[in-house]
Amino acid sequence: MTVFAVEYVYAQNSTELRNENRPAHREFLGGYIGEGSVQLLASGPTPVNDGALLILAAESEAALVQVLNQDPFNTSGALARTIITEWNPVTGLLKEFSS
């Protein structure tokens, strides 16, 4: 599996929309903790950038995109942009996912 760093950039003036969809967003992401073709390794907000960072392992970028397209933050219009970067964690707690 390949590790990806995913940056969510929130849409302008989306605070209320995110607040409404946050419980569904977190429940959705929680469904990817554990085994599967896409696995959530960590996620959380980046307050300085008004966005979020998600670290996921996936069999392919296409499989990852398919999952991210279903995220309630995405389907509700709360995201302005999603940036996906392949990442190789060679040290630290996620090094077991190193390629």
C-alpha atoms as a PDB file:
ATOM      1  CA  MET A   1       0.000   0.000   0.000  1.00  0.00           C
ATOM      2  CA  THR A   2       1.084   3.551  -0.709  1.00  0.00           C
ATOM      3  CA  VAL A   3       0.828   6.357   1.832  1.00  0.00           C
ATOM      4  CA  PHE A   4      -0.713   9.665   0.792  1.00  0.00           C
ATOM      5  CA  ALA A   5      -0.803  13.032   2.517  1.00  0.00           C
ATOM      6  CA  VAL A   6      -4.098  14.688   1.656  1.00  0.00           C
ATOM      7  CA  GLU A   7      -4.622  18.377   2.262  1.00  0.00           C
ATOM      8  CA  TYR A   8      -8.165  19.664   2.430  1.00  0.00           C
ATOM      9  CA  VAL A   9      -8.506  23.381   1.683  1.00  0.00           C
ATOM     10  CA  TYR A  10     -11.829  24.602   3.020  1.00  0.00           C
ATOM     11  CA  ALA A  11     -14.121  26.698   0.875  1.00  0.00           C
ATOM     12  CA  GLN A  12     -14.486  30.342   1.841  1.00  0.00           C
ATOM     13  CA  ASN A  13     -17.307  31.031   4.277  1.00  0.00           C
ATOM     14  CA  SER A  14     -17.831  27.285   4.858  1.00  0.00           C
ATOM     15  CA  THR A  15     -17.646  27.316   8.667  1.00  0.00           C
ATOM     16  CA  GLU A  16     -21.372  26.673   9.194  1.00  0.00           C
ATOM     17  CA  LEU A  17     -21.435  24.049   6.453  1.00  0.00           C
ATOM     18  CA  ARG A  18     -18.473  22.247   8.036  1.00  0.00           C
ATOM     19  CA  ASN A  19     -20.031  22.448  11.494  1.00  0.00           C
ATOM     20  CA  GLU A  20     -23.218  20.851  10.135  1.00  0.00           C
ATOM     21  CA  ASN A  21     -21.328  18.079   8.344  1.00  0.00           C
ATOM     22  CA  ARG A  22     -18.504  17.450  10.854  1.00  0.00           C
ATOM     23  CA  PRO A  23     -20.217  14.539  12.686  1.00  0.00           C
ATOM     24  CA  ALA A  24     -20.930  12.751   9.379  1.00  0.00           C
ATOM     25  CA  HIS A  25     -17.406  13.572   8.123  1.00  0.00           C
ATOM     26  CA  ARG A  26     -15.780  12.069  11.225  1.00  0.00           C
ATOM     27  CA  GLU A  27     -18.031   9.006  11.142  1.00  0.00           C
ATOM     28  CA  PHE A  28     -17.186   8.534   7.462  1.00  0.00           C
ATOM     29  CA  LEU A  29     -13.437   8.749   8.088  1.00  0.00           C
ATOM     30  CA  GLY A  30     -13.760   6.435  11.095  1.00  0.00           C
ATOM     31  CA  GLY A  31     -15.025   3.756   8.738  1.00  0.00           C
ATOM     32  CA  TYR A  32     -11.556   3.646   7.164  1.00  0.00           C
ATOM     33  CA  ILE A  33      -9.636   2.924  10.363  1.00  0.00           C
ATOM     34  CA  GLY A  34      -8.306  -0.625  10.214  1.00  0.00           C
ATOM     35  CA  GLU A  35      -7.998  -3.001   7.323  1.00  0.00           C
ATOM     36  CA  GLY A  36      -9.171  -2.382   3.774  1.00  0.00           C
ATOM     37  CA  SER A  37      -8.032  -1.049   0.416  1.00  0.00           C
ATOM     38  CA  VAL A  38      -7.986   2.467   1.903  1.00  0.00           C
ATOM     39  CA  GLN A  39      -6.930   3.034   5.518  1.00  0.00           C
ATOM     40  CA  LEU A  40      -6.993   6.235   7.535  1.00  0.00           C
ATOM     41  CA  LEU A  41      -3.763   6.582   9.528  1.00  0.00           C
ATOM     42  CA  ALA A  42      -4.295  10.076  10.973  1.00  0.00           C
ATOM     43  CA  SER A  43      -6.307  13.216  10.357  1.00  0.00           C
ATOM     44  CA  GLY A  44      -6.978  16.582  11.864  1.00  0.00           C
ATOM     45  CA  PRO A  45      -7.462  20.279  11.200  1.00  0.00           C
ATOM     46  CA  THR A  46      -4.728  22.709  10.237  1.00  0.00           C
ATOM     47  CA  PRO A  47      -6.135  25.862  11.873  1.00  0.00           C
ATOM     48  CA  VAL A  48      -3.478  28.228  10.540  1.00  0.00           C
ATOM     49  CA  ASN A  49      -4.337  27.244   6.951  1.00  0.00           C
ATOM     50  CA  ASP A  50      -8.089  26.798   7.564  1.00  0.00           C
ATOM     51  CA  GLY A  51      -7.987  23.258   6.274  1.00  0.00           C
ATOM     52  CA  ALA A  52      -7.099  19.731   7.297  1.00  0.00           C
ATOM     53  CA  LEU A  53      -4.425  17.115   6.767  1.00  0.00           C
ATOM     54  CA  LEU A  54      -5.263  13.447   6.326  1.00  0.00           C
ATOM     55  CA  ILE A  55      -2.712  10.648   6.115  1.00  0.00           C
ATOM     56  CA  LEU A  56      -4.062   7.558   4.366  1.00  0.00           C
ATOM     57  CA  ALA A  57      -2.690   4.314   2.971  1.00  0.00           C
ATOM     58  CA  ALA A  58      -4.297   3.070  -0.215  1.00  0.00           C
ATOM     59  CA  GLU A  59      -3.810   0.417  -2.866  1.00  0.00           C
ATOM     60  CA  SER A  60      -3.874   3.176  -5.485  1.00  0.00           C
ATOM     61  CA  GLU A  61      -4.471   6.887  -5.844  1.00  0.00           C
ATOM     62  CA  ALA A  62      -7.598   6.069  -7.857  1.00  0.00           C
ATOM     63  CA  ALA A  63      -9.025   4.056  -4.938  1.00  0.00           C
ATOM     64  CA  LEU A  64      -8.198   6.922  -2.600  1.00  0.00           C
ATOM     65  CA  VAL A  65      -9.891   9.511  -4.821  1.00  0.00           C
ATOM     66  CA  GLN A  66     -12.985   7.335  -5.039  1.00  0.00           C
ATOM     67  CA  VAL A  67     -13.207   7.317  -1.229  1.00  0.00           C
ATOM     68  CA  LEU A  68     -12.467  11.022  -0.798  1.00  0.00           C
ATOM     69  CA  ASN A  69     -15.177  11.909  -3.313  1.00  0.00           C
ATOM     70  CA  GLN A  70     -17.708  10.388  -0.900  1.00  0.00           C
ATOM     71  CA  ASP A  71     -16.555  12.372   2.167  1.00  0.00           C
ATOM     72  CA  PRO A  72     -19.448  14.517   3.484  1.00  0.00           C
ATOM     73  CA  PHE A  73     -17.140  17.561   3.522  1.00  0.00           C
ATOM     74  CA  ASN A  74     -16.638  17.040  -0.212  1.00  0.00           C
ATOM     75  CA  THR A  75     -20.222  16.202  -1.144  1.00  0.00           C
ATOM     76  CA  SER A  76     -21.570  19.188   0.826  1.00  0.00           C
ATOM     77  CA  GLY A  77     -19.319  21.703  -0.937  1.00  0.00           C
ATOM     78  CA  ALA A  78     -17.221  22.522   2.151  1.00  0.00           C
ATOM     79  CA  LEU A  79     -13.961  21.922   0.268  1.00  0.00           C
ATOM     80  CA  ALA A  80     -12.412  24.338  -2.199  1.00  0.00           C
ATOM     81  CA  ARG A  81      -9.587  21.996  -3.110  1.00  0.00           C
ATOM     82  CA  THR A  82      -8.047  18.628  -2.280  1.00  0.00           C
ATOM     83  CA  ILE A  83      -4.306  18.145  -2.751  1.00  0.00           C
ATOM     84  CA  ILE A  84      -3.041  14.555  -2.806  1.00  0.00           C
ATOM     85  CA  THR A  85       0.673  13.878  -2.428  1.00  0.00           C
ATOM     86  CA  GLU A  86       2.318  10.465  -2.334  1.00  0.00           C
ATOM     87  CA  TRP A  87       4.408  10.241   0.836  1.00  0.00           C
ATOM     88  CA  ASN A  88       7.013   7.779   2.121  1.00  0.00           C
ATOM     89  CA  PRO A  89       7.228   7.869   5.957  1.00  0.00           C
ATOM     90  CA  VAL A  90      10.716   6.432   6.578  1.00  0.00           C
ATOM     91  CA  THR A  91      10.985   7.370  10.270  1.00  0.00           C
ATOM     92  CA  GLY A  92       8.543   7.733  13.127  1.00  0.00           C
ATOM     93  CA  LEU A  93       5.348   5.988  14.101  1.00  0.00           C
ATOM     94  CA  LEU A  94       4.205   5.443  10.499  1.00  0.00           C
ATOM     95  CA  LYS A  95       7.484   3.957   9.196  1.00  0.00           C
ATOM     96  CA  GLU A  96       5.848   0.514   8.962  1.00  0.00           C
ATOM     97  CA  PHE A  97       4.021   1.930   5.940  1.00  0.00           C
ATOM     98  CA  SER A  98       7.270   2.917   4.206  1.00  0.00           C
ATOM     99  CA  SER A  99       7.581   1.685   0.630  1.00  0.00           C
END
